[in-house]
N, C-alpha and C. Protein backbone atom coordinates (compact mmCIF):
# COMPACT_ATOMS: atom_id res chain seq x y z
N MET A 1 116.07 120.08 131.42
CA MET A 1 115.36 121.01 130.57
C MET A 1 113.86 120.90 130.79
N ASN A 2 113.28 119.73 130.57
CA ASN A 2 111.85 119.55 130.78
C ASN A 2 111.57 118.61 131.94
N SER A 3 112.43 118.62 132.92
CA SER A 3 112.26 117.75 134.08
C SER A 3 111.08 118.21 134.93
N PRO A 4 110.37 117.27 135.54
CA PRO A 4 109.29 117.65 136.45
C PRO A 4 109.83 118.51 137.59
N ARG A 5 108.97 119.39 138.09
CA ARG A 5 109.38 120.30 139.16
C ARG A 5 108.73 119.99 140.49
N THR A 6 107.79 119.05 140.48
CA THR A 6 107.08 118.70 141.71
C THR A 6 107.08 117.19 141.90
N GLU A 7 106.74 116.76 143.10
CA GLU A 7 106.62 115.33 143.37
C GLU A 7 105.55 114.71 142.47
N GLU A 8 104.45 115.42 142.29
CA GLU A 8 103.38 114.92 141.43
C GLU A 8 103.84 114.81 139.98
N GLY A 9 104.68 115.72 139.55
CA GLY A 9 105.24 115.65 138.20
C GLY A 9 106.10 114.42 138.01
N TRP A 10 106.93 114.12 139.02
CA TRP A 10 107.75 112.91 138.97
C TRP A 10 106.88 111.66 138.98
N GLN A 11 105.81 111.70 139.76
CA GLN A 11 104.89 110.57 139.80
C GLN A 11 104.25 110.36 138.42
N ALA A 12 103.82 111.45 137.80
CA ALA A 12 103.20 111.36 136.47
C ALA A 12 104.19 110.80 135.46
N LEU A 13 105.44 111.18 135.55
CA LEU A 13 106.46 110.65 134.65
C LEU A 13 106.64 109.15 134.85
N ALA A 14 106.61 108.70 136.10
CA ALA A 14 106.73 107.28 136.39
C ALA A 14 105.52 106.51 135.85
N VAL A 15 104.34 107.08 136.01
CA VAL A 15 103.12 106.45 135.50
C VAL A 15 103.18 106.38 133.98
N LEU A 16 103.61 107.46 133.34
CA LEU A 16 103.74 107.48 131.88
C LEU A 16 104.72 106.42 131.41
N ASP A 17 105.81 106.26 132.14
CA ASP A 17 106.80 105.25 131.77
C ASP A 17 106.20 103.85 131.77
N VAL A 18 105.31 103.60 132.72
CA VAL A 18 104.70 102.28 132.84
C VAL A 18 103.64 102.04 131.75
N CYS A 19 102.87 103.05 131.43
CA CYS A 19 101.72 102.80 130.54
C CYS A 19 101.77 103.57 129.21
N SER A 20 102.93 104.04 128.82
CA SER A 20 103.02 104.83 127.58
C SER A 20 102.65 104.04 126.33
N SER A 21 102.76 102.74 126.37
CA SER A 21 102.40 101.94 125.19
C SER A 21 100.91 101.63 125.13
N GLN A 22 100.18 102.04 126.15
CA GLN A 22 98.74 101.78 126.19
C GLN A 22 98.00 102.96 125.55
N VAL A 23 97.98 102.96 124.23
CA VAL A 23 97.36 104.06 123.50
C VAL A 23 96.19 103.56 122.67
N ARG A 24 95.28 104.47 122.35
CA ARG A 24 94.20 104.18 121.41
C ARG A 24 94.66 104.69 120.06
N ALA A 25 94.64 103.82 119.07
CA ALA A 25 95.13 104.20 117.75
C ALA A 25 94.22 103.65 116.66
N VAL A 26 94.18 104.37 115.53
CA VAL A 26 93.42 103.96 114.36
C VAL A 26 94.26 104.23 113.13
N GLN A 27 94.48 103.23 112.32
CA GLN A 27 95.22 103.35 111.06
C GLN A 27 96.52 104.13 111.21
N GLY A 28 97.28 103.81 112.24
CA GLY A 28 98.58 104.42 112.43
C GLY A 28 98.58 105.77 113.12
N ALA A 29 97.41 106.31 113.43
CA ALA A 29 97.32 107.59 114.13
C ALA A 29 96.94 107.35 115.58
N VAL A 30 97.66 107.94 116.49
CA VAL A 30 97.36 107.81 117.91
C VAL A 30 96.27 108.82 118.28
N LEU A 31 95.18 108.30 118.87
CA LEU A 31 94.06 109.15 119.27
C LEU A 31 94.17 109.61 120.71
N GLY A 32 94.80 108.82 121.55
CA GLY A 32 94.93 109.17 122.95
C GLY A 32 95.44 107.99 123.74
N MET A 33 95.53 108.19 125.04
CA MET A 33 95.99 107.14 125.95
C MET A 33 94.80 106.43 126.57
N ASP A 34 95.05 105.24 127.05
CA ASP A 34 94.04 104.46 127.75
C ASP A 34 93.97 104.96 129.19
N PHE A 35 92.87 105.62 129.53
CA PHE A 35 92.74 106.20 130.87
C PHE A 35 92.72 105.12 131.94
N ASN A 36 92.11 103.98 131.66
CA ASN A 36 92.08 102.89 132.66
C ASN A 36 93.49 102.39 132.96
N ALA A 37 94.33 102.31 131.94
CA ALA A 37 95.72 101.92 132.16
C ALA A 37 96.43 102.97 133.02
N TRP A 38 96.16 104.24 132.76
CA TRP A 38 96.75 105.33 133.54
C TRP A 38 96.35 105.22 135.01
N VAL A 39 95.07 104.98 135.26
CA VAL A 39 94.59 104.87 136.64
C VAL A 39 95.21 103.65 137.32
N SER A 40 95.24 102.53 136.62
CA SER A 40 95.82 101.31 137.18
C SER A 40 97.30 101.50 137.51
N ALA A 41 98.05 102.12 136.60
CA ALA A 41 99.47 102.38 136.84
C ALA A 41 99.64 103.35 138.00
N SER A 42 98.78 104.34 138.08
CA SER A 42 98.85 105.31 139.18
C SER A 42 98.66 104.60 140.52
N GLN A 43 97.67 103.71 140.57
CA GLN A 43 97.42 102.97 141.81
C GLN A 43 98.59 102.05 142.14
N ALA A 44 99.10 101.36 141.14
CA ALA A 44 100.20 100.41 141.37
C ALA A 44 101.45 101.12 141.88
N LEU A 45 101.67 102.35 141.42
CA LEU A 45 102.85 103.11 141.82
C LEU A 45 102.59 104.00 143.03
N ASP A 46 101.39 103.90 143.59
CA ASP A 46 101.00 104.68 144.76
C ASP A 46 101.14 106.19 144.51
N ALA A 47 100.78 106.60 143.29
CA ALA A 47 100.82 108.02 142.94
C ALA A 47 99.55 108.71 143.43
N ASP A 48 99.62 110.00 143.66
CA ASP A 48 98.49 110.80 144.13
C ASP A 48 97.35 110.72 143.09
N PRO A 49 96.23 110.08 143.43
CA PRO A 49 95.17 109.87 142.43
C PRO A 49 94.55 111.17 141.92
N THR A 50 94.38 112.15 142.78
CA THR A 50 93.81 113.42 142.35
C THR A 50 94.74 114.12 141.38
N ALA A 51 96.01 114.18 141.70
CA ALA A 51 96.98 114.82 140.82
C ALA A 51 97.08 114.09 139.48
N MET A 52 97.08 112.77 139.52
CA MET A 52 97.20 112.01 138.28
C MET A 52 95.99 112.23 137.37
N THR A 53 94.80 112.36 137.97
CA THR A 53 93.59 112.64 137.19
C THR A 53 93.68 114.01 136.54
N HIS A 54 94.20 114.99 137.26
CA HIS A 54 94.33 116.34 136.72
C HIS A 54 95.44 116.43 135.68
N LEU A 55 96.51 115.66 135.84
CA LEU A 55 97.63 115.72 134.90
C LEU A 55 97.41 114.89 133.64
N PHE A 56 96.50 113.92 133.69
CA PHE A 56 96.29 113.03 132.56
C PHE A 56 96.03 113.76 131.25
N PRO A 57 95.13 114.75 131.17
CA PRO A 57 94.87 115.39 129.88
C PRO A 57 96.12 116.03 129.25
N ALA A 58 96.95 116.65 130.06
CA ALA A 58 98.16 117.28 129.53
C ALA A 58 99.17 116.24 129.06
N VAL A 59 99.31 115.17 129.84
CA VAL A 59 100.23 114.10 129.46
C VAL A 59 99.74 113.44 128.18
N GLU A 60 98.44 113.16 128.12
CA GLU A 60 97.85 112.53 126.93
C GLU A 60 98.04 113.42 125.70
N ALA A 61 97.81 114.70 125.83
CA ALA A 61 97.96 115.62 124.69
C ALA A 61 99.40 115.66 124.21
N GLY A 62 100.35 115.72 125.13
CA GLY A 62 101.76 115.76 124.74
C GLY A 62 102.21 114.48 124.07
N LEU A 63 101.81 113.33 124.63
CA LEU A 63 102.20 112.05 124.05
C LEU A 63 101.55 111.86 122.67
N THR A 64 100.29 112.21 122.56
CA THR A 64 99.58 112.08 121.28
C THR A 64 100.23 112.95 120.21
N GLN A 65 100.54 114.19 120.57
CA GLN A 65 101.20 115.10 119.62
C GLN A 65 102.56 114.55 119.20
N ALA A 66 103.32 114.07 120.15
CA ALA A 66 104.66 113.56 119.84
C ALA A 66 104.60 112.31 118.96
N LEU A 67 103.68 111.42 119.26
CA LEU A 67 103.60 110.18 118.49
C LEU A 67 103.03 110.39 117.09
N ASN A 68 102.27 111.45 116.89
CA ASN A 68 101.69 111.74 115.58
C ASN A 68 102.54 112.69 114.74
N LYS A 69 103.64 113.15 115.31
CA LYS A 69 104.51 114.09 114.61
C LYS A 69 105.23 113.37 113.46
N PRO A 70 105.25 113.98 112.27
CA PRO A 70 105.98 113.36 111.16
C PRO A 70 107.45 113.15 111.51
N SER A 71 107.98 112.03 111.02
CA SER A 71 109.40 111.71 111.24
C SER A 71 109.93 111.03 109.98
N PRO A 72 111.25 110.85 109.88
CA PRO A 72 111.78 110.16 108.70
C PRO A 72 111.20 108.76 108.52
N ASP A 73 110.88 108.09 109.64
CA ASP A 73 110.29 106.74 109.56
C ASP A 73 108.82 106.78 109.20
N ASN A 74 108.15 107.88 109.52
CA ASN A 74 106.71 108.01 109.30
C ASN A 74 106.43 109.42 108.79
N PRO A 75 106.64 109.72 107.50
CA PRO A 75 106.54 111.08 106.99
C PRO A 75 105.14 111.67 107.06
N HIS A 76 104.12 110.86 107.23
CA HIS A 76 102.75 111.38 107.27
C HIS A 76 102.24 111.60 108.68
N GLY A 77 103.07 111.33 109.66
CA GLY A 77 102.69 111.55 111.05
C GLY A 77 102.02 110.38 111.68
């Protein structure tokens, strides 16, 4: 359904898997991802650095939105 369609997309998914817990947060709200962790994971996984830099904002926005979404465990988001 939401599978990556390009090699760079698969690389970004692998990088996200490695560094998804590296977020900036304040009082239970996620503000964004740690870009340095993203770059380090990209390098470690030999992902295309230009593509990863361009994809980072979209990945960060999606992860931030998902983590801040209200849920039964966290009704305030």
